[in-house]
Amino acid sequence: MTVLRPSWAMTSDLMREYYDKLWGFPEHDDRMLFEMLCLECFQAGLSWEIIWKRRETFEAAFDNFDFNQMAKYDERDLVRLFTDKSIIRNRRKISAVIQNARAVQALAERGIGFAQYMWGFVDGEIQVVEMAPGEKLPPYTDLSKKISQQMKKDGFAFTGPTTVYSFMTAVGMVNARL
């Protein structure tokens, strides 16, 4: 059986594997969803392949994206991350993912898991995108704008409509697979 892939998934073996095994499949694990949100934040303005190549170094630098651990980060952690050449050393993005860890932790303290929070925006239902062959995904949707606004109210950072929509397609909240 031939797997249909978008052009971005054909750029390298790494991207092909990402598309075939992870991208667009529904994810409901809090930690994995948080990792993907962090990586999407770092991806803003860069190619996904740059981020995905560094996934393991991001995991090491950010305590395997354990939001409870990251929520405790202090000034020493910031200095460590700002000087870590193995990751993207953008101060705004680093600060944002730490802030997002605190926002996820605050949800958990209210008894709301991150998966429950995110999937609640779509009532647990996968949104289906129908596209013509060769058509590109839109950069954002009305729904991603709405989610972005709510996430900001709930203490999240660097979660604009484009980042949110990219996240939604990556974790299968939106089915845009070919």
Foldseek 3Di string as FASTA:
>chain_A
DDFDDPPVCVPDPLSVCLLVPFFQEADQDLQVLLLLLLLLLQCVVHDSVLSSVLSVVVCVLQVNSQLVVLLPDDPVSLVVLCPDPSGPNDSQSSVQSSQVSVLQVVCVVVVAGPSNVLCVLVPVDAAEDDDDVPDDDDLFDPSLQVVQVVVVVSRGPSRHRSSSVSSCRRNNSYRPGD
